[in-house]
Amino acid sequence: MKVTIGLPVYNVEPYVKDAILSILAQTFEDWECIVIDDGSTDKSLDIIREYADSRFTIISDGENKGLVSRLNQIIGLARGEYIARMDGDDIMHPDRLARQVEILESSPQVDVVSTLKYSIGLDNYVYRCEQPVEIDSSVAYTILKSGYISHATIVSRSSWSRRNPYSESYIRAEDRELFARAVNDKNSHILPQALYYYREIGNMSLKKYTQSYGSELKVLLKYGVKRVGAYQTARLIARWLAKSAVIRIMFSLGIEGRLKKDGSADLYQSLEETAFLRRFLREAEQKLSTSHSKRLPTGSAP
């Protein structure tokens, strides 16, 4: 088994069908998918079971343990040489696994491969494309400043993930803490293409931002001096204080939608990428429907 796709889900009924279809549509086919439900109260599990095939392992214990616990559970269960991260309301480009596995196979020093991402809305409309990351003095500084890597897009070596489990002490910044602890300029690689569709429009709240920024400050205080020195850490803390204040002001004024600024797409690019996304999902569903029909005994009705 080459790749384990880890799919933690929680109440993603409107979107999980597209997530499953995008997994089934991967051009790289040597994978298993571990789906762990975190106590969903909607029909997420029913939809997953309807579309999943024998390569899926579906786990549901009825408990709500949180994302970090489920990510570590997936790492413990994974049989693949590599582990691909994914969220239950997102979508993978059909070439995502192929491109990331190619890097890991050809570059033994690399432990983590990520990609750029598209931001999509509730209707799968592509709003923007993330731009390549600019390194600020060092990878370590960039991680502490902005995260460096888009967490949901990573494919990592299973051995690296087992050596570096997620910490449950950094709510909504478990990725920042992991990367600050275990990622550097030699063991990471970011593909310059967007191969992941990240659903973020309409999912913002002050509580989420407050939790994220609080945990990011904890990461700065723990790793800053060690990774980038006292002066650079002081600069990052000052920047954190300013951004935190601005975010609260923007929410109070009702203009928090302007916080999403990681890249842009002109109208033509948005329409083109949206058309591609919707087309490949439609074709994936048609292919799956045809496959199910062929497996039915003669005279049976679907």
Protein backbone atom coordinates (compact mmCIF):
# COMPACT_ATOMS: atom_id res chain seq x y z
CA MET A 1 0.00 0.00 0.00
CA LYS A 2 1.53 3.29 -1.09
CA VAL A 3 -0.82 5.99 0.27
CA THR A 4 -3.26 6.22 3.16
CA ILE A 5 -5.75 9.05 2.73
CA GLY A 6 -6.87 10.24 6.14
CA LEU A 7 -10.38 11.71 6.13
CA PRO A 8 -11.74 12.91 9.50
CA VAL A 9 -15.36 14.00 9.17
CA TYR A 10 -17.86 15.84 11.34
CA ASN A 11 -21.27 17.01 10.08
CA VAL A 12 -20.23 17.52 6.46
CA GLU A 13 -23.41 16.17 4.87
CA PRO A 14 -23.68 18.87 2.15
CA TYR A 15 -20.10 18.38 0.93
CA VAL A 16 -18.76 14.91 1.73
CA LYS A 17 -20.10 13.34 -1.47
CA ASP A 18 -17.79 15.58 -3.51
CA ALA A 19 -14.88 14.75 -1.22
CA ILE A 20 -15.42 11.02 -1.80
CA LEU A 21 -15.87 11.46 -5.54
CA SER A 22 -12.60 13.38 -5.77
CA ILE A 23 -10.81 10.55 -3.97
CA LEU A 24 -12.28 7.97 -6.32
CA ALA A 25 -11.23 10.14 -9.30
CA GLN A 26 -7.51 10.15 -8.40
CA THR A 27 -5.22 9.20 -11.28
CA PHE A 28 -2.94 7.55 -8.69
CA GLU A 29 -4.78 4.41 -7.61
CA ASP A 30 -2.61 2.64 -5.01
CA TRP A 31 -4.35 4.01 -1.94
CA GLU A 32 -6.59 3.23 0.99
CA CYS A 33 -8.84 5.75 2.69
CA ILE A 34 -9.45 5.77 6.43
CA VAL A 35 -12.61 7.71 7.26
CA ILE A 36 -13.08 8.52 10.94
CA ASP A 37 -16.36 10.08 11.95
CA ASP A 38 -16.09 12.36 14.98
CA GLY A 39 -19.64 11.94 16.25
CA SER A 40 -21.59 13.43 13.34
CA THR A 41 -25.29 14.01 13.95
CA ASP A 42 -26.25 14.46 10.30
CA LYS A 43 -26.23 12.02 7.36
CA SER A 44 -22.51 12.23 6.61
CA LEU A 45 -21.92 8.54 7.32
CA ASP A 46 -24.85 7.41 5.17
CA ILE A 47 -23.49 9.36 2.20
CA ILE A 48 -19.96 8.03 2.68
CA ARG A 49 -21.20 4.44 2.82
CA GLU A 50 -23.25 4.97 -0.33
CA TYR A 51 -20.27 6.07 -2.42
CA ALA A 52 -17.27 4.36 -0.81
CA ASP A 53 -15.78 1.16 -2.24
CA SER A 54 -13.67 -1.62 -0.67
CA ARG A 55 -10.62 0.64 -0.35
CA PHE A 56 -12.39 2.67 2.34
CA THR A 57 -12.27 1.82 6.04
CA ILE A 58 -15.05 3.65 7.88
CA ILE A 59 -14.76 4.07 11.64
CA SER A 60 -17.51 5.50 13.83
CA ASP A 61 -17.41 5.18 17.61
CA GLY A 62 -20.10 7.79 18.33
CA GLU A 63 -17.68 10.04 20.22
CA ASN A 64 -16.66 13.63 19.57
CA LYS A 65 -12.93 13.71 20.34
CA GLY A 66 -11.87 16.59 18.11
CA LEU A 67 -9.76 16.90 14.99
CA VAL A 68 -6.31 16.47 16.55
CA SER A 69 -7.24 13.23 18.28
CA ARG A 70 -8.66 11.86 15.03
CA LEU A 71 -5.60 12.87 13.02
CA ASN A 72 -3.36 10.98 15.43
CA GLN A 73 -5.74 8.01 15.29
CA ILE A 74 -5.42 7.94 11.50
CA ILE A 75 -1.62 8.01 11.75
CA GLY A 76 -1.74 4.99 14.07
CA LEU A 77 -3.99 3.03 11.71
CA ALA A 78 -2.35 3.95 8.40
CA ARG A 79 -0.90 1.09 6.34
CA GLY A 80 0.44 3.27 3.54
CA GLU A 81 4.02 4.37 3.07
CA TYR A 82 2.66 7.92 2.82
CA ILE A 83 -0.25 9.67 4.53
CA ALA A 84 -2.39 12.20 2.65
CA ARG A 85 -4.27 14.75 4.72
CA MET A 86 -7.79 15.79 3.67
CA ASP A 87 -10.87 17.41 5.21
CA GLY A 88 -14.37 16.08 4.70
CA ASP A 89 -15.73 19.26 3.12
CA ASP A 90 -12.84 19.76 0.68
CA ILE A 91 -12.01 18.38 -2.78
CA MET A 92 -8.81 16.99 -4.30
CA HIS A 93 -7.66 17.71 -7.83
CA PRO A 94 -7.51 14.36 -9.70
CA ASP A 95 -3.71 14.61 -10.07
CA ARG A 96 -3.01 15.56 -6.47
CA LEU A 97 -1.74 12.22 -5.16
CA ALA A 98 0.20 11.43 -8.33
CA ARG A 99 2.14 14.69 -8.20
CA GLN A 100 2.92 14.56 -4.48
CA VAL A 101 3.92 10.90 -4.48
CA GLU A 102 6.23 11.61 -7.40
CA ILE A 103 8.16 14.13 -5.28
CA LEU A 104 8.40 11.79 -2.29
CA GLU A 105 9.57 8.90 -4.47
CA SER A 106 12.27 10.95 -6.17
CA SER A 107 13.46 12.97 -3.16
CA PRO A 108 14.36 10.78 -0.17
CA GLN A 109 15.31 13.82 1.94
CA VAL A 110 11.77 15.21 1.69
CA ASP A 111 9.29 14.15 4.39
CA VAL A 112 6.39 16.53 3.69
CA VAL A 113 4.97 17.68 0.35
CA SER A 114 2.22 20.27 0.09
CA THR A 115 0.54 22.12 -2.75
CA LEU A 116 -1.10 25.44 -3.31
CA LYS A 117 -4.87 25.53 -2.96
CA TYR A 118 -7.99 27.02 -4.47
CA SER A 119 -10.57 28.60 -2.18
CA ILE A 120 -14.10 27.45 -2.97
CA GLY A 121 -17.51 28.51 -1.77
CA LEU A 122 -20.54 26.50 -0.75
CA ASP A 123 -21.50 25.92 -4.39
CA ASN A 124 -18.01 24.80 -5.53
CA TYR A 125 -17.32 28.16 -7.14
CA VAL A 126 -13.58 28.89 -7.22
CA TYR A 127 -13.02 32.31 -5.66
CA ARG A 128 -9.26 32.56 -5.53
CA CYS A 129 -6.00 30.73 -5.98
CA GLU A 130 -3.31 30.76 -3.33
CA GLN A 131 -0.05 32.32 -4.48
CA PRO A 132 3.39 30.73 -3.97
CA VAL A 133 4.83 31.32 -0.52
CA GLU A 134 7.59 33.92 -0.22
CA ILE A 135 10.26 32.86 2.26
CA ASP A 136 10.92 35.58 4.86
CA SER A 137 14.61 35.17 5.81
CA SER A 138 14.13 31.44 6.57
CA VAL A 139 11.58 28.64 6.44
CA ALA A 140 11.44 28.63 10.24
CA TYR A 141 10.57 32.34 10.33
CA THR A 142 7.94 31.88 7.61
CA ILE A 143 6.33 29.01 9.52
CA LEU A 144 6.08 31.12 12.67
CA LYS A 145 4.80 34.11 10.72
CA SER A 146 2.21 32.57 8.40
CA GLY A 147 2.32 28.78 8.60
CA TYR A 148 4.29 28.27 5.34
CA ILE A 149 2.40 25.09 4.43
CA SER A 150 -1.32 24.61 3.75
CA HIS A 151 -2.07 21.90 6.27
CA ALA A 152 -4.91 20.11 4.48
CA THR A 153 -2.78 19.68 1.34
CA ILE A 154 0.11 17.74 2.85
CA VAL A 155 1.27 14.25 2.00
CA SER A 156 3.91 13.03 4.44
CA ARG A 157 5.99 9.94 4.98
CA SER A 158 4.22 7.71 7.51
CA SER A 159 7.48 7.27 9.41
CA TRP A 160 7.79 11.06 9.81
CA SER A 161 4.18 11.38 10.97
CA ARG A 162 4.63 8.66 13.58
CA ARG A 163 7.74 10.39 14.92
CA ASN A 164 5.90 13.70 14.99
CA PRO A 165 2.30 13.30 16.22
CA TYR A 166 0.01 16.29 16.62
CA SER A 167 -0.16 18.04 19.97
CA GLU A 168 -3.62 18.60 21.48
CA SER A 169 -2.41 21.70 23.35
CA TYR A 170 -2.75 24.08 20.39
CA ILE A 171 -6.43 24.41 19.44
CA ARG A 172 -6.86 25.36 15.78
CA ALA A 173 -3.08 25.75 15.39
CA GLU A 174 -2.00 22.13 15.69
CA ASP A 175 -0.49 22.40 12.21
CA ARG A 176 1.53 25.52 13.07
CA GLU A 177 2.96 23.80 16.14
CA LEU A 178 3.78 20.63 14.18
CA PHE A 179 5.54 22.53 11.41
CA ALA A 180 7.44 24.75 13.87
CA ARG A 181 8.63 21.59 15.62
CA ALA A 182 9.37 19.25 12.73
CA VAL A 183 9.60 21.04 9.34
CA ASN A 184 12.63 22.75 7.84
CA ASP A 185 13.94 23.85 4.45
CA LYS A 186 15.49 20.44 3.74
CA ASN A 187 12.62 18.06 4.56
CA SER A 188 9.72 19.98 2.98
CA HIS A 189 8.61 20.78 -0.55
CA ILE A 190 5.74 22.92 -1.84
CA LEU A 191 4.45 22.20 -5.33
CA PRO A 192 3.79 25.46 -7.20
CA GLN A 193 0.45 24.21 -8.56
CA ALA A 194 -2.94 24.36 -6.84
CA LEU A 195 -4.07 20.73 -6.44
CA TYR A 196 -6.55 21.11 -3.58
CA TYR A 197 -9.91 22.87 -3.25
CA TYR A 198 -10.31 24.29 0.23
CA ARG A 199 -13.79 25.25 1.36
CA GLU A 200 -13.42 28.33 3.52
CA ILE A 201 -15.93 30.90 2.31
CA GLY A 202 -18.71 31.45 4.84
CA ASN A 203 -16.96 29.49 7.59
CA MET A 204 -15.46 32.40 9.55
CA SER A 205 -16.23 33.33 13.14
CA LEU A 206 -14.56 35.50 15.76
CA LYS A 207 -14.34 32.50 18.09
CA LYS A 208 -12.36 30.51 15.51
CA TYR A 209 -9.98 33.37 14.85
CA THR A 210 -9.51 34.00 18.57
CA GLN A 211 -8.70 30.34 19.21
CA SER A 212 -6.29 30.20 16.27
CA TYR A 213 -4.44 33.37 17.19
CA GLY A 214 -4.21 32.39 20.85
CA SER A 215 -2.62 29.07 19.94
CA GLU A 216 -0.32 30.73 17.39
CA LEU A 217 1.00 32.98 20.17
CA LYS A 218 1.72 29.87 22.27
CA VAL A 219 3.70 28.44 19.34
CA LEU A 220 5.68 31.68 19.04
CA LEU A 221 6.51 31.69 22.74
CA LYS A 222 7.58 28.04 22.71
CA TYR A 223 9.60 27.87 19.50
CA GLY A 224 10.42 31.44 18.53
CA VAL A 225 13.71 32.07 20.31
CA LYS A 226 14.95 28.55 19.59
CA ARG A 227 14.15 28.67 15.88
CA VAL A 228 14.72 32.30 14.87
CA GLY A 229 16.27 34.15 17.83
CA ALA A 230 15.00 36.74 20.31
CA TYR A 231 14.92 39.73 17.96
CA GLN A 232 12.91 38.00 15.24
CA THR A 233 10.59 36.52 17.86
CA ALA A 234 9.91 39.99 19.26
CA ARG A 235 9.05 41.22 15.75
CA LEU A 236 6.66 38.31 15.26
CA ILE A 237 4.95 38.91 18.61
CA ALA A 238 4.49 42.62 17.76
CA ARG A 239 2.99 41.59 14.42
CA TRP A 240 0.70 39.11 16.20
CA LEU A 241 -0.57 41.82 18.58
CA ALA A 242 -1.31 44.17 15.69
CA LYS A 243 -3.11 41.54 13.60
CA SER A 244 -5.15 40.35 16.57
CA ALA A 245 -6.36 43.91 17.21
CA VAL A 246 -7.20 44.45 13.54
CA ILE A 247 -9.19 41.22 13.37
CA ARG A 248 -11.34 42.21 16.36
CA ILE A 249 -12.00 45.61 14.80
CA MET A 250 -12.96 44.05 11.46
CA PHE A 251 -15.43 41.69 13.12
CA SER A 252 -16.93 44.56 15.12
CA LEU A 253 -17.43 46.49 11.85
CA GLY A 254 -18.87 43.45 10.03
CA ILE A 255 -16.13 43.44 7.37
CA GLU A 256 -14.43 40.19 8.38
CA GLY A 257 -14.89 38.83 4.85
CA ARG A 258 -11.89 40.91 3.80
CA LEU A 259 -9.65 38.77 5.99
CA LYS A 260 -9.39 36.15 3.25
CA LYS A 261 -6.52 37.45 1.20
CA ASP A 262 -4.32 34.45 0.28
CA GLY A 263 -4.18 35.03 -3.44
CA SER A 264 -6.72 36.05 -6.03
CA ALA A 265 -8.28 34.96 -9.27
CA ASP A 266 -9.62 37.07 -12.10
CA LEU A 267 -13.10 36.37 -13.42
CA TYR A 268 -11.87 34.27 -16.34
CA GLN A 269 -9.66 32.08 -14.11
CA SER A 270 -12.47 31.64 -11.60
CA LEU A 271 -14.93 30.57 -14.28
CA GLU A 272 -12.39 28.26 -15.93
CA GLU A 273 -11.37 26.53 -12.71
CA THR A 274 -14.98 26.29 -11.52
CA ALA A 275 -15.99 24.65 -14.81
CA PHE A 276 -13.12 22.14 -14.52
CA LEU A 277 -13.98 21.30 -10.91
CA ARG A 278 -17.66 20.75 -11.59
CA ARG A 279 -16.95 18.76 -14.74
CA PHE A 280 -14.53 16.32 -13.16
CA LEU A 281 -16.89 15.72 -10.22
CA ARG A 282 -19.76 15.09 -12.64
CA GLU A 283 -17.64 12.67 -14.66
CA ALA A 284 -16.50 10.89 -11.50
CA GLU A 285 -20.11 10.36 -10.43
CA GLN A 286 -21.10 9.12 -13.88
CA LYS A 287 -18.18 6.68 -13.90
CA LEU A 288 -19.15 5.40 -10.47
CA SER A 289 -22.78 4.99 -11.53
CA THR A 290 -21.73 3.02 -14.61
CA SER A 291 -19.45 0.81 -12.52
CA HIS A 292 -22.27 0.04 -10.07
CA SER A 293 -24.64 -0.80 -12.92
CA LYS A 294 -22.16 -3.27 -14.43
CA ARG A 295 -21.89 -5.12 -11.13
CA LEU A 296 -25.64 -5.67 -10.86
CA PRO A 297 -26.91 -9.15 -11.82
CA THR A 298 -28.89 -9.38 -15.06
CA GLY A 299 -32.46 -8.30 -14.52
CA SER A 300 -31.69 -6.41 -11.30
CA ALA A 301 -32.65 -2.81 -10.77
CA PRO A 302 -30.32 -0.32 -9.11
